Amino acid sequence: MTHRPAVWMRAAGAAALLVGAPELARADEVGIVLEAGYADLTNASRSAEAVFDGSSGGFTGGAQVRFSLGRRFFAAGGARYFSRTGERVFVADEDAPVFPLGHPLEVRLLPVFGLLGYRFSEGKLAPYASLGAGAAWYREESTVGGITTSESRTKFTAMAMLGAEYGQGTIRFGAELGYSLIPNAVGLGGVSAVYGEDDLGGLSIVGRVVIVP
């Protein structure tokens, strides 16, 4: 009889571990995030529209590795890629019409960043918010008279995201709205100087697939 309380305590402890196992696994999980969607150069929209024939954005894709920090917090590291081809233009001043010059211009943008986020729910549908910072690599390449020239630079970037993720299994799905800053990243064929735009950040919306091995 004296041993029964100890037996019951051990049984209760084992049951608690079994019940808590999914939560512990979620707290320590590592996920691979694949993303695809649309990125807009909102902070340099007039320059982008001049160079890209009326459009200021395009396709973006990327990947992240995510680590859970407890049940609600998480950290991630990753990169996104943006590329558009347009042409060089001439603009006398910000109120003047845009004159295409017929010289191809390619712009590439690759932000590499780290994030810290918080899940507002632990259920199957989990809204979240995250903040991040990193470095954005920018490259501009154009061809004039058969001669191709390029310039590249790396600038600081900061970002904020709101999103939601659905699922608790190996494959999960989500969507995310983001906003980024890439200050002092002049480019876009020199047109950005005319419009006074030197920030290549802006809004983005992506769909996400999360793989948790």
Protein backbone atom coordinates (compact mmCIF):
# COMPACT_ATOMS: atom_id res chain seq x y z
CA MET A 1 0.00 0.00 0.00
CA THR A 2 2.84 2.39 0.73
CA HIS A 3 4.08 2.07 -2.86
CA ARG A 4 0.75 2.92 -4.57
CA PRO A 5 1.10 6.74 -4.43
CA ALA A 6 4.51 6.46 -6.10
CA VAL A 7 3.07 4.20 -8.80
CA TRP A 8 0.19 6.59 -9.46
CA MET A 9 2.57 9.55 -9.59
CA ARG A 10 4.74 7.77 -12.15
CA ALA A 11 1.72 6.86 -14.24
CA ALA A 12 0.42 10.43 -14.11
CA GLY A 13 3.85 11.75 -15.13
CA ALA A 14 4.02 9.36 -18.08
CA ALA A 15 0.52 10.38 -19.21
CA ALA A 16 1.48 14.06 -18.97
CA LEU A 17 4.54 13.47 -21.15
CA LEU A 18 2.44 11.68 -23.76
CA VAL A 19 -0.13 14.47 -23.83
CA GLY A 20 2.53 17.15 -23.97
CA ALA A 21 4.67 15.44 -26.61
CA PRO A 22 3.02 17.14 -29.62
CA GLU A 23 3.51 20.55 -27.99
CA LEU A 24 7.15 19.78 -27.23
CA ALA A 25 7.69 18.62 -30.78
CA ARG A 26 6.10 21.81 -32.13
CA ALA A 27 8.24 23.92 -29.81
CA ASP A 28 11.45 22.39 -31.17
CA GLU A 29 10.46 22.00 -34.84
CA VAL A 30 12.47 23.15 -37.82
CA GLY A 31 10.68 24.02 -41.05
CA ILE A 32 11.63 24.79 -44.64
CA VAL A 33 9.54 27.60 -46.15
CA LEU A 34 9.10 28.04 -49.92
CA GLU A 35 7.53 31.29 -51.17
CA ALA A 36 6.23 32.73 -54.44
CA GLY A 37 4.21 35.84 -55.19
CA TYR A 38 4.34 39.50 -56.21
CA ALA A 39 6.71 42.24 -55.07
CA ASP A 40 6.15 45.92 -55.77
CA LEU A 41 8.85 48.61 -55.68
CA THR A 42 6.37 50.86 -53.90
CA ASN A 43 8.97 53.25 -52.51
CA ALA A 44 10.33 53.91 -56.01
CA SER A 45 7.10 53.40 -57.94
CA ARG A 46 7.46 56.29 -60.40
CA SER A 47 10.99 55.24 -61.37
CA ALA A 48 9.96 51.60 -61.73
CA GLU A 49 6.90 52.46 -63.82
CA ALA A 50 9.04 54.57 -66.17
CA VAL A 51 11.62 51.82 -66.67
CA PHE A 52 9.20 48.86 -66.73
CA ASP A 53 6.59 50.40 -69.04
CA GLY A 54 3.91 51.27 -66.51
CA SER A 55 4.45 48.48 -63.99
CA SER A 56 6.25 48.87 -60.66
CA GLY A 57 6.48 45.23 -59.61
CA GLY A 58 6.75 41.62 -60.65
CA PHE A 59 7.30 38.03 -59.57
CA THR A 60 9.25 37.25 -56.43
CA GLY A 61 10.28 33.92 -54.97
CA GLY A 62 12.34 32.77 -52.04
CA ALA A 63 13.06 30.30 -49.29
CA GLN A 64 13.60 30.31 -45.54
CA VAL A 65 14.69 27.98 -42.78
CA ARG A 66 12.50 28.49 -39.70
CA PHE A 67 13.14 27.50 -36.08
CA SER A 68 10.48 27.48 -33.38
CA LEU A 69 11.49 29.19 -30.12
CA GLY A 70 8.96 27.80 -27.69
CA ARG A 71 5.31 27.43 -28.67
CA ARG A 72 4.70 30.90 -30.13
CA PHE A 73 7.97 32.60 -31.00
CA PHE A 74 10.05 31.64 -34.02
CA ALA A 75 13.17 32.76 -35.86
CA ALA A 76 13.96 32.40 -39.55
CA GLY A 77 16.68 33.14 -42.05
CA GLY A 78 16.21 33.34 -45.79
CA ALA A 79 16.30 35.24 -49.06
CA ARG A 80 13.97 36.46 -51.81
CA TYR A 81 14.70 37.14 -55.45
CA PHE A 82 13.23 39.82 -57.74
CA SER A 83 14.15 40.45 -61.38
CA ARG A 84 12.64 42.63 -64.11
CA THR A 85 13.74 43.67 -67.59
CA GLY A 86 12.80 47.05 -69.03
CA GLU A 87 14.60 49.78 -70.92
CA ARG A 88 16.45 52.98 -70.24
CA VAL A 89 14.40 56.16 -70.50
CA PHE A 90 14.98 59.91 -70.54
CA VAL A 91 13.04 62.22 -68.22
CA ALA A 92 13.89 65.94 -68.14
CA ASP A 93 12.19 66.52 -64.78
CA GLU A 94 9.58 64.86 -62.59
CA ASP A 95 6.68 66.52 -64.45
CA ALA A 96 8.01 65.84 -67.95
CA PRO A 97 6.95 62.93 -70.19
CA VAL A 98 9.00 59.74 -70.31
CA PHE A 99 10.96 59.01 -73.51
CA PRO A 100 12.08 55.37 -74.01
CA LEU A 101 15.63 55.09 -75.36
CA GLY A 102 15.42 51.50 -76.60
CA HIS A 103 18.35 50.24 -74.51
CA PRO A 104 17.58 47.06 -72.51
CA LEU A 105 17.86 47.38 -68.74
CA GLU A 106 17.74 44.48 -66.29
CA VAL A 107 17.27 44.97 -62.55
CA ARG A 108 17.89 42.26 -59.95
CA LEU A 109 17.26 42.48 -56.23
CA LEU A 110 18.22 39.84 -53.66
CA PRO A 111 17.50 40.59 -49.98
CA VAL A 112 19.05 38.17 -47.47
CA PHE A 113 17.59 38.52 -43.99
CA GLY A 114 16.89 37.20 -40.52
CA LEU A 115 13.45 37.33 -38.86
CA LEU A 116 11.95 37.11 -35.41
CA GLY A 117 8.23 36.35 -35.26
CA TYR A 118 5.29 35.63 -32.97
CA ARG A 119 2.29 33.34 -33.54
CA PHE A 120 -0.99 34.72 -32.20
CA SER A 121 -2.54 31.24 -32.02
CA GLU A 122 -1.37 27.65 -31.58
CA GLY A 123 -4.29 26.11 -33.47
CA LYS A 124 -4.53 24.77 -36.99
CA LEU A 125 -4.89 28.33 -38.30
CA ALA A 126 -2.04 30.39 -36.88
CA PRO A 127 -1.81 34.13 -37.67
CA TYR A 128 1.61 35.64 -37.04
CA ALA A 129 3.70 38.80 -37.29
CA SER A 130 7.44 39.13 -37.79
CA LEU A 131 10.17 41.74 -38.05
CA GLY A 132 13.50 41.35 -39.78
CA ALA A 133 16.66 42.96 -41.09
CA GLY A 134 19.51 42.06 -43.38
CA ALA A 135 21.35 43.07 -46.55
CA ALA A 136 19.91 43.57 -50.04
CA TRP A 137 22.11 42.98 -53.08
CA TYR A 138 21.14 45.15 -56.06
CA ARG A 139 22.40 44.75 -59.63
CA GLU A 140 21.59 46.86 -62.68
CA GLU A 141 22.73 45.82 -66.17
CA SER A 142 22.14 47.63 -69.48
CA THR A 143 23.30 47.36 -73.08
CA VAL A 144 23.97 50.49 -75.14
CA GLY A 145 25.43 50.24 -78.65
CA GLY A 146 26.30 46.59 -78.16
CA ILE A 147 28.29 47.30 -75.01
CA THR A 148 26.95 45.88 -71.75
CA THR A 149 27.68 47.66 -68.49
CA SER A 150 26.63 46.79 -64.97
CA GLU A 151 26.75 48.13 -61.46
CA SER A 152 25.95 46.48 -58.17
CA ARG A 153 25.79 47.41 -54.52
CA THR A 154 24.68 46.00 -51.19
CA LYS A 155 22.45 47.99 -48.83
CA PHE A 156 20.76 47.53 -45.45
CA THR A 157 17.18 46.30 -45.52
CA ALA A 158 14.44 46.09 -42.87
CA MET A 159 11.03 44.46 -43.13
CA ALA A 160 7.76 43.69 -41.37
CA MET A 161 5.33 40.88 -42.20
CA LEU A 162 1.79 39.80 -41.33
CA GLY A 163 0.58 36.38 -42.32
CA ALA A 164 -1.29 33.21 -41.47
CA GLU A 165 -0.42 29.55 -41.71
CA TYR A 166 -2.82 26.61 -41.93
CA GLY A 167 -2.05 23.06 -40.85
CA GLN A 168 -0.11 21.15 -38.22
CA GLY A 169 1.29 18.26 -40.23
CA THR A 170 4.34 17.82 -42.43
CA ILE A 171 2.96 20.11 -45.18
CA ARG A 172 1.36 23.45 -44.27
CA PHE A 173 0.14 26.37 -46.35
CA GLY A 174 0.04 30.08 -45.76
CA ALA A 175 -0.06 33.61 -47.14
CA GLU A 176 1.92 36.67 -46.12
CA LEU A 177 1.78 40.43 -46.66
CA GLY A 178 5.06 42.28 -46.20
CA TYR A 179 6.64 45.71 -46.38
CA SER A 180 10.35 46.40 -46.75
CA LEU A 181 12.77 49.32 -46.71
CA ILE A 182 16.00 49.42 -48.74
CA PRO A 183 17.16 53.03 -48.28
CA ASN A 184 19.89 54.75 -50.32
CA ALA A 185 19.76 52.04 -53.00
CA VAL A 186 19.72 54.36 -56.01
CA GLY A 187 19.48 52.75 -59.42
CA LEU A 188 16.82 52.04 -62.06
CA GLY A 189 18.81 53.57 -64.90
CA GLY A 190 19.34 56.95 -63.26
CA VAL A 191 15.65 57.87 -63.41
CA SER A 192 15.31 57.57 -59.64
CA ALA A 193 17.47 60.70 -59.21
CA VAL A 194 14.96 62.71 -61.27
CA TYR A 195 12.03 61.54 -59.14
CA GLY A 196 13.94 61.74 -55.86
CA GLU A 197 13.41 58.05 -55.09
CA ASP A 198 16.29 56.12 -53.53
CA ASP A 199 14.46 53.35 -51.62
CA LEU A 200 13.87 50.10 -53.53
CA GLY A 201 11.64 48.54 -50.89
CA GLY A 202 7.88 48.20 -50.92
CA LEU A 203 4.91 45.91 -50.54
CA SER A 204 4.85 42.20 -51.28
CA ILE A 205 2.34 39.38 -51.08
CA VAL A 206 3.36 35.75 -51.26
CA GLY A 207 1.93 32.28 -50.90
CA ARG A 208 3.89 29.90 -48.73
CA VAL A 209 4.41 26.15 -48.42
CA VAL A 210 6.00 25.03 -45.14
CA ILE A 211 7.65 21.63 -44.93
CA VAL A 212 8.30 20.27 -41.44
CA PRO A 213 10.38 17.06 -41.68
